[in-house]
Amino acid sequence: MAKGSSLSRSINAFYVEWSAINHYLSSYECEKNGIPYAGFGDPRVQKLWKGLSGQEKREIMKRLGAKNETELQNYFT
């Protein structure tokens, strides 16, 4: 149980940190307010992604229905 909880915390931290990069705004809100949106391909987001374990990456891709990182990039673009 603790391992699953730790996995969820790491995944949530990834999303929270990514959101912070975007000033807690969605891509739509960024566009509407003239703020550049940091998508999955942004180097800062990639740094966060690379900090995740393989299991965490697989879990995110599973949740989003992506088979690989390329599909994941398309999902977030």
N, C-alpha and C. Protein backbone atom coordinates (compact mmCIF):
# COMPACT_ATOMS: atom_id res chain seq x y z
N MET A 1 0.82 -1.20 0.00
CA MET A 1 0.00 0.00 0.00
C MET A 1 0.86 1.26 0.00
N ALA A 2 1.91 1.25 0.80
CA ALA A 2 2.75 2.44 0.89
C ALA A 2 3.40 2.75 -0.46
N LYS A 3 3.78 1.71 -1.20
CA LYS A 3 4.41 1.92 -2.49
C LYS A 3 3.45 2.61 -3.46
N GLY A 4 2.19 2.18 -3.49
CA GLY A 4 1.19 2.80 -4.35
C GLY A 4 0.95 4.24 -3.96
N SER A 5 0.94 4.50 -2.67
CA SER A 5 0.73 5.85 -2.18
C SER A 5 1.90 6.76 -2.58
N SER A 6 3.10 6.22 -2.49
CA SER A 6 4.28 6.97 -2.89
C SER A 6 4.25 7.26 -4.39
N LEU A 7 3.80 6.28 -5.17
CA LEU A 7 3.68 6.44 -6.62
C LEU A 7 2.70 7.56 -6.94
N SER A 8 1.56 7.56 -6.29
CA SER A 8 0.56 8.61 -6.52
C SER A 8 1.09 9.98 -6.13
N ARG A 9 1.81 10.05 -5.02
CA ARG A 9 2.38 11.34 -4.59
C ARG A 9 3.35 11.88 -5.62
N SER A 10 4.20 11.02 -6.16
CA SER A 10 5.17 11.45 -7.17
C SER A 10 4.49 11.93 -8.43
N ILE A 11 3.45 11.22 -8.84
CA ILE A 11 2.71 11.60 -10.05
C ILE A 11 1.99 12.93 -9.81
N ASN A 12 1.36 13.07 -8.66
CA ASN A 12 0.69 14.33 -8.33
C ASN A 12 1.68 15.48 -8.28
N ALA A 13 2.87 15.23 -7.70
CA ALA A 13 3.89 16.27 -7.63
C ALA A 13 4.31 16.71 -9.03
N PHE A 14 4.43 15.74 -9.97
CA PHE A 14 4.77 16.06 -11.35
C PHE A 14 3.76 17.03 -11.93
N TYR A 15 2.46 16.73 -11.78
CA TYR A 15 1.41 17.59 -12.32
C TYR A 15 1.36 18.96 -11.63
N VAL A 16 1.58 18.98 -10.32
CA VAL A 16 1.55 20.25 -9.59
C VAL A 16 2.72 21.14 -10.02
N GLU A 17 3.90 20.55 -10.15
CA GLU A 17 5.07 21.33 -10.57
C GLU A 17 4.91 21.83 -12.01
N TRP A 18 4.36 21.01 -12.86
CA TRP A 18 4.10 21.42 -14.25
C TRP A 18 3.10 22.56 -14.25
N SER A 19 2.08 22.44 -13.44
CA SER A 19 1.06 23.49 -13.35
C SER A 19 1.69 24.80 -12.86
N ALA A 20 2.60 24.69 -11.91
CA ALA A 20 3.28 25.88 -11.38
C ALA A 20 4.08 26.58 -12.48
N ILE A 21 4.70 25.80 -13.35
CA ILE A 21 5.45 26.38 -14.47
C ILE A 21 4.51 27.25 -15.31
N ASN A 22 3.25 26.82 -15.42
CA ASN A 22 2.25 27.54 -16.21
C ASN A 22 1.41 28.49 -15.36
N HIS A 23 1.94 28.86 -14.21
CA HIS A 23 1.24 29.81 -13.32
C HIS A 23 -0.15 29.31 -12.94
N TYR A 24 -0.29 27.99 -12.85
CA TYR A 24 -1.56 27.34 -12.47
C TYR A 24 -2.70 27.65 -13.45
N LEU A 25 -2.34 27.90 -14.71
CA LEU A 25 -3.33 28.18 -15.74
C LEU A 25 -3.37 27.03 -16.74
N SER A 26 -4.52 26.79 -17.30
CA SER A 26 -4.65 25.78 -18.36
C SER A 26 -4.04 26.35 -19.64
N SER A 27 -3.88 25.49 -20.64
CA SER A 27 -3.36 25.96 -21.92
C SER A 27 -4.29 27.02 -22.51
N TYR A 28 -5.59 26.80 -22.36
CA TYR A 28 -6.57 27.78 -22.86
C TYR A 28 -6.41 29.12 -22.15
N GLU A 29 -6.28 29.09 -20.82
CA GLU A 29 -6.14 30.33 -20.06
C GLU A 29 -4.83 31.04 -20.39
N CYS A 30 -3.77 30.27 -20.61
CA CYS A 30 -2.49 30.87 -21.00
C CYS A 30 -2.65 31.59 -22.33
N GLU A 31 -3.26 30.90 -23.30
CA GLU A 31 -3.45 31.50 -24.63
C GLU A 31 -4.31 32.75 -24.54
N LYS A 32 -5.39 32.66 -23.78
CA LYS A 32 -6.31 33.79 -23.63
C LYS A 32 -5.63 35.01 -23.00
N ASN A 33 -4.69 34.75 -22.08
CA ASN A 33 -4.00 35.84 -21.39
C ASN A 33 -2.65 36.20 -22.00
N GLY A 34 -2.31 35.60 -23.13
CA GLY A 34 -1.07 35.93 -23.82
C GLY A 34 0.17 35.42 -23.11
N ILE A 35 0.02 34.37 -22.32
CA ILE A 35 1.15 33.78 -21.60
C ILE A 35 1.55 32.50 -22.34
N PRO A 36 2.84 32.35 -22.65
CA PRO A 36 3.26 31.12 -23.34
C PRO A 36 3.01 29.89 -22.46
N TYR A 37 2.37 28.88 -23.03
CA TYR A 37 2.09 27.64 -22.30
C TYR A 37 3.27 26.69 -22.42
N ALA A 38 3.71 26.15 -21.30
CA ALA A 38 4.79 25.17 -21.29
C ALA A 38 4.18 23.78 -21.46
N GLY A 39 4.22 23.25 -22.68
CA GLY A 39 3.68 21.94 -22.96
C GLY A 39 4.64 20.83 -22.59
N PHE A 40 4.28 19.61 -22.93
CA PHE A 40 5.09 18.45 -22.58
C PHE A 40 6.50 18.53 -23.16
N GLY A 41 6.65 19.14 -24.31
CA GLY A 41 7.96 19.23 -24.95
C GLY A 41 8.86 20.32 -24.38
N ASP A 42 8.32 21.16 -23.50
CA ASP A 42 9.11 22.23 -22.89
C ASP A 42 10.25 21.62 -22.06
N PRO A 43 11.46 22.18 -22.15
CA PRO A 43 12.60 21.61 -21.41
C PRO A 43 12.37 21.51 -19.90
N ARG A 44 11.65 22.44 -19.33
CA ARG A 44 11.39 22.39 -17.88
C ARG A 44 10.47 21.22 -17.54
N VAL A 45 9.50 20.96 -18.39
CA VAL A 45 8.58 19.83 -18.18
C VAL A 45 9.33 18.53 -18.43
N GLN A 46 10.18 18.50 -19.45
CA GLN A 46 10.97 17.31 -19.73
C GLN A 46 11.90 16.97 -18.55
N LYS A 47 12.42 17.99 -17.90
CA LYS A 47 13.28 17.77 -16.73
C LYS A 47 12.46 17.10 -15.62
N LEU A 48 11.22 17.55 -15.42
CA LEU A 48 10.35 16.92 -14.43
C LEU A 48 10.06 15.48 -14.83
N TRP A 49 9.77 15.26 -16.12
CA TRP A 49 9.45 13.93 -16.64
C TRP A 49 10.62 12.97 -16.42
N LYS A 50 11.82 13.45 -16.72
CA LYS A 50 13.01 12.61 -16.57
C LYS A 50 13.28 12.26 -15.10
N GLY A 51 12.75 13.07 -14.19
CA GLY A 51 12.92 12.80 -12.77
C GLY A 51 11.99 11.71 -12.25
N LEU A 52 11.01 11.31 -13.06
CA LEU A 52 10.09 10.25 -12.65
C LEU A 52 10.72 8.88 -12.89
N SER A 53 10.32 7.91 -12.12
CA SER A 53 10.79 6.54 -12.34
C SER A 53 10.06 5.96 -13.55
N GLY A 54 10.57 4.86 -14.05
CA GLY A 54 9.93 4.18 -15.17
C GLY A 54 8.51 3.76 -14.84
N GLN A 55 8.30 3.30 -13.62
CA GLN A 55 6.97 2.87 -13.19
C GLN A 55 6.00 4.06 -13.17
N GLU A 56 6.48 5.21 -12.70
CA GLU A 56 5.64 6.41 -12.66
C GLU A 56 5.27 6.86 -14.07
N LYS A 57 6.24 6.81 -14.97
CA LYS A 57 5.98 7.19 -16.36
C LYS A 57 4.96 6.25 -17.00
N ARG A 58 5.13 4.95 -16.76
CA ARG A 58 4.18 3.97 -17.31
C ARG A 58 2.78 4.20 -16.76
N GLU A 59 2.68 4.53 -15.48
CA GLU A 59 1.37 4.77 -14.87
C GLU A 59 0.69 5.99 -15.49
N ILE A 60 1.44 7.06 -15.72
CA ILE A 60 0.86 8.25 -16.35
C ILE A 60 0.40 7.92 -17.76
N MET A 61 1.24 7.20 -18.51
CA MET A 61 0.85 6.84 -19.88
C MET A 61 -0.37 5.93 -19.88
N LYS A 62 -0.43 5.01 -18.93
CA LYS A 62 -1.58 4.10 -18.82
C LYS A 62 -2.85 4.90 -18.54
N ARG A 63 -2.78 5.84 -17.61
CA ARG A 63 -3.95 6.65 -17.26
C ARG A 63 -4.46 7.47 -18.43
N LEU A 64 -3.53 7.89 -19.29
CA LEU A 64 -3.91 8.74 -20.43
C LEU A 64 -4.14 7.93 -21.71
N GLY A 65 -3.89 6.65 -21.66
CA GLY A 65 -4.09 5.80 -22.83
C GLY A 65 -3.02 5.95 -23.89
N ALA A 66 -1.84 6.41 -23.50
CA ALA A 66 -0.73 6.57 -24.45
C ALA A 66 0.15 5.32 -24.41
N LYS A 67 0.58 4.88 -25.58
CA LYS A 67 1.42 3.68 -25.66
C LYS A 67 2.91 4.01 -25.50
N ASN A 68 3.29 5.25 -25.81
CA ASN A 68 4.68 5.65 -25.70
C ASN A 68 4.76 7.17 -25.48
N GLU A 69 5.98 7.67 -25.32
CA GLU A 69 6.15 9.10 -25.03
C GLU A 69 5.74 9.99 -26.20
N THR A 70 5.87 9.49 -27.42
CA THR A 70 5.44 10.28 -28.58
C THR A 70 3.94 10.50 -28.55
N GLU A 71 3.18 9.44 -28.25
CA GLU A 71 1.74 9.60 -28.13
C GLU A 71 1.40 10.52 -26.97
N LEU A 72 2.17 10.45 -25.91
CA LEU A 72 1.94 11.32 -24.76
C LEU A 72 2.16 12.78 -25.15
N GLN A 73 3.21 13.02 -25.91
CA GLN A 73 3.48 14.38 -26.37
C GLN A 73 2.31 14.89 -27.23
N ASN A 74 1.78 14.05 -28.08
CA ASN A 74 0.63 14.44 -28.91
C ASN A 74 -0.58 14.74 -28.04
N TYR A 75 -0.74 13.97 -26.97
CA TYR A 75 -1.87 14.17 -26.07
C TYR A 75 -1.82 15.55 -25.41
N PHE A 76 -0.61 15.96 -25.02
CA PHE A 76 -0.44 17.22 -24.29
C PHE A 76 -0.24 18.43 -25.21
N THR A 77 -0.28 18.24 -26.51
CA THR A 77 -0.03 19.35 -27.42
C THR A 77 -1.31 19.92 -27.95
